[in-house]
Structure formats: C-alpha cells, structure tokens
Protein backbone atom coordinates (compact mmCIF):
# COMPACT_ATOMS: atom_id res chain seq x y z
CA MET A 1 160.94 116.94 82.45
CA ALA A 2 161.15 113.81 79.98
CA GLY A 3 161.10 111.29 82.92
CA LEU A 4 157.61 112.68 84.42
CA THR A 5 156.20 112.48 80.71
CA ALA A 6 157.52 109.16 80.68
CA ILE A 7 155.95 108.46 84.54
CA PHE A 8 152.40 110.09 83.21
CA ASN A 9 152.40 108.38 79.63
CA ARG A 10 152.66 105.18 81.77
CA TYR A 11 150.29 105.87 84.52
CA SER A 12 147.97 107.92 82.48
CA THR A 13 145.09 105.62 82.85
CA LEU A 14 145.52 105.56 86.71
CA PHE A 15 145.50 109.24 86.60
CA GLN A 16 142.25 109.46 84.71
CA ILE A 17 140.17 107.33 86.87
CA SER A 18 141.90 108.67 90.31
CA PRO A 19 139.46 111.24 90.97
CA LEU A 20 136.61 109.05 90.50
CA VAL A 21 137.95 106.16 92.66
CA ILE A 22 138.91 108.69 95.30
CA THR A 23 135.36 110.24 95.31
CA LEU A 24 133.89 106.44 95.41
CA THR A 25 136.13 105.67 98.47
CA LEU A 26 135.29 108.82 100.54
CA PHE A 27 131.52 109.01 99.73
CA LEU A 28 130.75 105.31 99.12
CA VAL A 29 133.26 102.64 100.02
CA GLY A 30 134.28 104.25 103.38
CA PRO A 31 130.82 105.04 104.85
CA VAL A 32 129.88 101.43 104.06
CA ILE A 33 132.94 100.08 105.47
CA VAL A 34 131.80 102.35 108.60
CA ILE A 35 128.28 100.80 108.92
CA ILE A 36 129.24 97.44 109.14
CA ILE A 37 132.14 98.26 112.15
CA LEU A 38 129.11 100.06 114.01
CA SER A 39 126.82 96.87 112.93
CA LEU A 40 129.27 94.46 114.73
CA TRP A 41 129.46 96.47 117.87
CA LYS A 42 127.57 95.05 120.85
CA PHE A 43 124.14 97.17 122.22
CA ASP A 44 123.11 96.08 125.68
CA GLY A 45 119.44 97.79 125.23
CA PHE A 46 120.74 101.16 126.53
CA MET A 47 123.90 102.02 125.16
CA THR A 48 126.53 101.05 122.32
CA LEU A 49 129.73 99.03 123.58
CA GLU A 50 132.06 100.18 121.22
CA GLY A 51 134.90 97.84 120.57
CA VAL A 52 133.06 94.92 121.75
CA TRP A 53 132.39 92.78 118.76
CA THR A 54 129.18 90.70 118.28
CA PHE A 55 126.62 89.16 115.39
CA ARG A 56 123.72 89.33 117.74
CA ASN A 57 122.54 92.39 115.90
CA TYR A 58 122.04 90.54 112.55
CA GLU A 59 120.75 87.40 114.37
CA LYS A 60 117.99 89.39 115.78
CA ILE A 61 116.55 90.45 112.28
CA PHE A 62 115.93 87.03 111.30
CA THR A 63 114.80 85.46 114.63
CA ARG A 64 112.24 88.34 115.43
CA SER A 65 108.61 87.62 114.11
CA LEU A 66 108.40 91.52 113.93
CA THR A 67 111.62 92.37 111.68
CA VAL A 68 110.40 89.40 109.19
CA THR A 69 107.04 90.94 109.20
CA ASN A 70 108.55 94.45 108.21
CA TYR A 71 110.50 92.86 105.55
CA LEU A 72 107.46 90.84 104.19
CA GLN A 73 105.40 94.41 104.47
CA THR A 74 107.88 96.14 102.29
CA GLY A 75 108.08 93.56 99.65
CA LYS A 76 104.30 93.32 99.52
CA MET A 77 104.11 97.42 98.89
CA LEU A 78 107.37 97.10 96.51
CA LEU A 79 105.46 94.94 94.60
CA ILE A 80 102.17 96.76 94.56
CA THR A 81 104.02 100.00 93.63
CA LEU A 82 106.03 98.28 91.06
CA VAL A 83 103.18 96.94 89.09
CA VAL A 84 101.10 100.12 89.35
CA THR A 85 103.55 102.33 88.38
CA PHE A 86 104.67 100.39 85.25
CA VAL A 87 101.17 100.35 83.83
CA LEU A 88 100.89 103.99 84.67
CA GLY A 89 104.42 104.89 83.49
CA PHE A 90 104.10 102.76 80.24
CA THR A 91 100.87 103.78 79.22
CA LEU A 92 101.86 107.49 79.71
CA ALA A 93 105.01 106.71 77.59
CA TYR A 94 102.96 105.15 74.90
CA PHE A 95 100.57 108.09 74.90
CA LEU A 96 103.11 110.81 74.38
CA VAL A 97 105.29 108.46 71.87
CA PHE A 98 103.12 106.95 69.44
CA ASP A 99 99.83 108.93 69.90
CA LEU A 100 100.61 112.50 69.61
CA VAL A 101 102.70 113.63 66.58
CA LYS A 102 103.75 117.21 67.63
CA LEU A 103 107.28 116.82 69.16
CA ARG A 104 105.97 120.56 70.76
CA THR A 105 103.04 118.73 72.10
CA LYS A 106 104.88 115.91 73.18
CA MET A 107 107.71 118.04 75.22
CA LEU A 108 104.68 120.14 76.32
CA LEU A 109 102.63 117.45 78.19
CA PHE A 110 106.04 115.63 79.49
CA LEU A 111 106.86 119.07 81.21
CA LEU A 112 103.68 118.83 82.85
CA CYS A 113 104.11 115.49 84.52
CA VAL A 114 107.45 117.18 85.84
CA VAL A 115 106.26 120.08 87.13
CA PRO A 116 104.88 118.43 90.24
CA PHE A 117 108.49 117.24 91.30
CA TRP A 118 109.49 120.83 91.04
CA THR A 119 108.23 121.02 94.85
CA SER A 120 109.62 118.65 98.05
CA ALA A 121 108.67 115.29 98.09
CA VAL A 122 107.32 115.84 101.49
CA ILE A 123 104.95 118.74 100.49
CA ARG A 124 103.49 116.24 98.26
CA THR A 125 102.92 113.82 100.61
CA VAL A 126 101.33 115.95 102.97
CA ALA A 127 99.19 117.35 100.05
CA TRP A 128 97.65 113.75 100.46
CA MET A 129 95.96 115.00 103.83
CA PRO A 130 93.06 117.12 102.51
CA PHE A 131 92.23 114.98 100.23
CA LEU A 132 91.93 111.77 102.17
CA GLY A 133 90.96 112.95 105.71
CA THR A 134 87.56 111.99 107.24
CA GLU A 135 86.56 115.68 106.44
CA GLY A 136 88.45 115.35 102.93
CA ILE A 137 87.24 116.33 99.83
CA ILE A 138 86.81 112.83 98.85
CA ASN A 139 84.85 111.89 101.77
CA GLN A 140 82.72 114.72 101.36
CA ALA A 141 82.03 113.96 97.53
CA VAL A 142 81.41 110.03 98.69
CA VAL A 143 79.07 110.97 101.70
CA GLY A 144 77.23 113.56 99.42
CA ILE A 145 76.17 111.48 96.52
CA GLY A 146 75.07 108.76 98.88
CA LEU A 147 77.75 106.08 98.19
CA SER A 148 78.12 105.74 101.87
CA ASP A 149 76.68 107.02 105.35
CA GLU A 150 79.83 107.69 106.92
CA PRO A 151 83.14 108.47 105.85
CA LEU A 152 85.44 106.32 104.59
CA LYS A 153 88.48 106.04 107.31
CA PHE A 154 90.64 103.72 105.41
CA LEU A 155 91.39 106.34 103.05
CA LEU A 156 93.69 108.51 105.57
CA PHE A 157 96.62 106.70 107.98
CA SER A 158 96.57 103.19 106.24
CA GLU A 159 98.64 101.23 103.52
CA PHE A 160 96.03 102.39 101.07
CA ALA A 161 97.30 106.11 101.76
CA VAL A 162 101.02 105.14 101.87
CA LEU A 163 100.68 103.01 98.23
CA LEU A 164 98.56 105.92 96.91
CA SER A 165 101.65 108.56 97.63
CA TYR A 166 104.19 106.06 96.33
CA ILE A 167 102.42 105.38 92.81
CA GLN A 168 102.03 109.18 92.51
CA ILE A 169 105.46 110.35 93.28
CA PHE A 170 107.24 107.20 91.75
CA THR A 171 105.37 107.05 88.53
CA LEU A 172 107.64 109.69 87.15
CA PHE A 173 110.72 107.65 87.56
CA MET A 174 109.15 104.65 85.79
CA MET A 175 107.80 106.63 82.75
CA ALA A 176 110.82 108.96 81.88
CA PRO A 177 113.05 106.13 81.26
CA LEU A 178 110.32 103.92 79.25
CA PHE A 179 109.57 107.59 77.21
CA ASN A 180 113.25 108.02 76.60
CA VAL A 181 113.50 104.39 75.26
CA MET A 182 110.34 104.37 73.34
CA ALA A 183 111.37 107.60 71.39
CA ARG A 184 114.18 105.85 69.98
CA ILE A 185 112.12 103.15 68.45
CA ASN A 186 112.36 103.08 64.90
CA LYS A 187 108.74 103.45 63.69
CA ASP A 188 109.49 101.80 60.80
CA LEU A 189 109.44 98.48 62.40
CA ILE A 190 105.74 99.09 63.64
CA GLU A 191 105.17 100.27 59.84
CA ALA A 192 106.47 97.16 58.78
CA ALA A 193 104.57 94.91 60.97
CA ARG A 194 101.37 96.26 60.32
CA ASP A 195 102.15 95.75 56.66
CA ASN A 196 102.84 91.92 57.48
CA GLY A 197 99.06 91.82 59.21
CA ALA A 198 100.57 92.18 62.78
CA SER A 199 97.85 93.52 65.04
CA SER A 200 98.14 96.53 67.68
CA ILE A 201 98.42 93.32 70.49
CA GLN A 202 101.18 91.53 68.83
CA ILE A 203 103.07 95.00 67.95
CA LEU A 204 102.69 95.58 71.68
CA TRP A 205 103.79 92.45 72.42
CA ASN A 206 106.81 91.41 70.19
CA ILE A 207 108.37 94.63 69.44
CA ILE A 208 107.66 97.67 71.60
CA LEU A 209 108.10 95.74 74.72
CA PRO A 210 111.42 93.86 74.05
CA LEU A 211 112.52 97.38 72.84
CA CYS A 212 111.50 98.62 76.32
CA LYS A 213 113.34 96.39 78.18
CA PRO A 214 116.18 98.64 79.02
CA GLY A 215 113.47 101.34 80.40
CA ILE A 216 111.56 98.90 82.28
CA ALA A 217 114.86 97.93 83.99
CA ILE A 218 115.94 101.23 84.93
CA GLY A 219 112.85 102.42 86.07
CA THR A 220 112.40 99.09 88.20
CA ILE A 221 115.70 100.34 89.79
CA PHE A 222 114.46 103.33 90.76
CA VAL A 223 111.20 102.38 92.15
CA ILE A 224 113.18 99.52 94.42
CA ALA A 225 115.72 102.16 95.72
CA LEU A 226 113.16 104.78 96.32
CA VAL A 227 110.36 102.66 98.27
CA ALA A 228 112.90 100.18 100.15
CA SER A 229 114.76 103.57 101.42
CA ASP A 230 111.38 105.62 102.08
CA PHE A 231 110.35 106.21 105.66
CA THR A 232 108.86 109.85 105.47
CA THR A 233 105.75 108.60 103.73
CA ILE A 234 105.14 106.11 106.25
CA ARG A 235 105.48 108.02 108.93
CA ILE A 236 103.27 111.08 107.57
CA LEU A 237 100.43 108.74 106.13
CA SER A 238 100.29 105.54 107.54
CA GLY A 239 99.35 106.69 110.90
CA SER A 240 101.60 103.79 112.59
CA GLN A 241 99.51 101.30 110.90
CA VAL A 242 102.36 100.05 108.36
CA GLY A 243 105.71 98.68 109.31
CA THR A 244 108.61 98.69 107.01
CA VAL A 245 112.22 97.85 106.70
CA ALA A 246 113.19 101.54 106.44
CA ALA A 247 110.60 102.60 108.83
CA SER A 248 112.29 100.48 111.79
CA MET A 249 115.52 101.85 111.32
CA ALA A 250 114.36 105.22 111.35
CA ASN A 251 112.85 104.39 114.47
CA GLN A 252 116.00 102.96 115.53
CA ILE A 253 118.07 105.87 115.03
CA TYR A 254 116.00 108.11 116.57
CA ASN A 255 115.96 105.86 120.00
CA VAL A 256 119.71 105.99 119.55
CA GLN A 257 120.06 102.09 118.39
CA TYR A 258 122.94 102.39 116.12
CA PRO A 259 124.36 98.86 116.10
CA PRO A 260 120.67 97.54 115.30
CA ALA A 261 120.04 100.10 113.00
CA ALA A 262 123.33 99.74 110.92
CA ALA A 263 122.65 96.00 110.69
CA THR A 264 119.32 96.65 109.34
CA ALA A 265 120.70 99.07 107.02
CA MET A 266 123.30 96.37 105.56
CA ILE A 267 120.84 93.41 105.43
CA LEU A 268 118.48 95.96 103.50
CA LEU A 269 121.56 97.44 101.21
CA LEU A 270 122.24 94.05 100.42
CA ALA A 271 118.71 93.20 99.58
CA VAL A 272 118.21 96.00 97.24
CA LEU A 273 121.98 95.22 95.66
CA LEU A 274 120.63 91.24 94.91
CA LEU A 275 117.37 92.80 93.39
CA VAL A 276 119.39 95.23 91.15
CA GLY A 277 121.99 92.76 90.22
CA GLY A 278 119.63 90.30 89.23
CA ILE A 279 117.50 92.79 87.14
CA MET A 280 121.21 93.50 85.47
CA ARG A 281 122.05 90.20 84.39
CA LEU A 282 118.59 89.89 83.07
CA VAL A 283 118.75 93.33 80.86
CA ASP A 284 122.12 94.45 79.93
CA VAL A 285 121.33 98.33 80.27
CA ARG A 286 124.42 99.49 79.20
CA ARG A 287 124.80 97.61 75.92
CA GLN A 288 120.69 97.98 74.42
CA LEU A 289 120.77 101.80 75.18
C-alpha cells in the first residue's frame, strides 16, 4: 500500500493530466494524423490509391488558379465580416455596458441578442430568403416606394447575401467577449480621465480600446474559425456565385475526392492556426483576462 502511495505521489501530475491528454489524442491529434495520411495518398481522378504516397494533392492547391481564387475570396469575405462584426459588436457592447445603468436591463437586452441563436444556423440562414428574394419583402418595398423599377437581383444568391448572413450570425461571437471584457473595466478610470479633461474620443482610444484587446482577440479568433470553416451558408445563399475554400472542400468530399479534400483541409487548418497564433502573440489573452 505504501508503495502504491509513493508511486501515486511521484506521478500525481501525470495522473491528473492523463484524462486531458487521452481526450486530445483521441479526438484532436488522432483525426489530424489520419487526415494528413489521407492527404498524401494518390488520387487518379476516379479513385483513391491507398498506400501510394504523393505530394501532388498539395501541389495542385498552389498551381490551380481556381484554388488560389478560392483562397483570395475566402480572405476577402473574412476581412469584410471581421470589420463589420467588430464595428457592430463593439457598438452593441459599449451601449450595453456604458450607456445603460440598470443591470437587469443590460442582461435583458443581452439575452434578446442571444435568443436568435437558440435556433439552428441553417434555419437562420434560410430565413433570409423571403427577405432577399425577387418577390421578397425588401424588393417589394423598394419597388413599392419607387426606388427601382424592377427587383434588385443582387440581394439573393450573391456574395452580398452570404456576407449579410455572416454578419447576422457571427456578430454575437464578437460582441459577447467584448461585453465580458468591457463589463470588467473600472469606471473610476473613465471618471478620472474625464476629470483631467479627456474627451470621449480620447477615453475610447486610450482607455477602452486597449483594455478591450483580449475581447477583440477572442472575438476575432471566433469569427476567423467560423467563416473559414463555413460552407452551408455558401451553398444556400450564394447560388454558386461564390467560391470559398470550405465550399471547395465540401464539393470534393461530395464527389468522393478524399485525398484532395484532406490536403485542402490541412492547408486551411494551417492558415487558420497561423492567424490565430499571430493574434495570440499580439495579445496575451490568458494574462489579460
């Protein structure tokens, strides 16, 4: 018994972290290794040749103009979504934290922002179609008040529709961490700045924004991961007018082109990890929260 106790005391740290290590190995490291192996198998255009190793699947990603276009399109949509969701999320969080006094009112309005997320993202995406269609509510209003003689066709099955859905779905993922960080800001700092003659813009730029860096970083990571991995919204609202990396990968999987899809997944994962790593280097989220 004493021997078992001594062993446990000696390796107590190992025993404590072993459940986490096993879980990460089985559900994170293991699947990634499988995807890497699959991405190195040869695909002859019709079938996967197991055990025949090649880097051709990766070479095609950087040599095909369509693939490069998909990456550029993904980056463009990611940048636009990031900018708009940050502006909207920061504005909403600022209003809830600094413009409202009663805590009950803040929580009520925050919950109202969360309510749409109790439904499926697919349902929320499909819900845009009655609004954006040629016979939709928006076009009926535009034609009805004489702003246009015919329905606006760019509203649905376009890049605009996809971006609009992204902004509606992902703004909360930017606002929630900003709200959490802003709520922790000591109001005495703001009062002290005002007493020393600082304007509202100076307070925003020199106090609130620097203290909100962890929330901005977390929200940015959420939006990057969600936009880079989305293909459902593209399929529903783009009308095949928008091509992204995730949508291309989904089409490859649908057509049983598993090795090219695995190679695309690894390059996309690497790109996202590099972006997230860069953000984490700029902002030490764990220390500043």
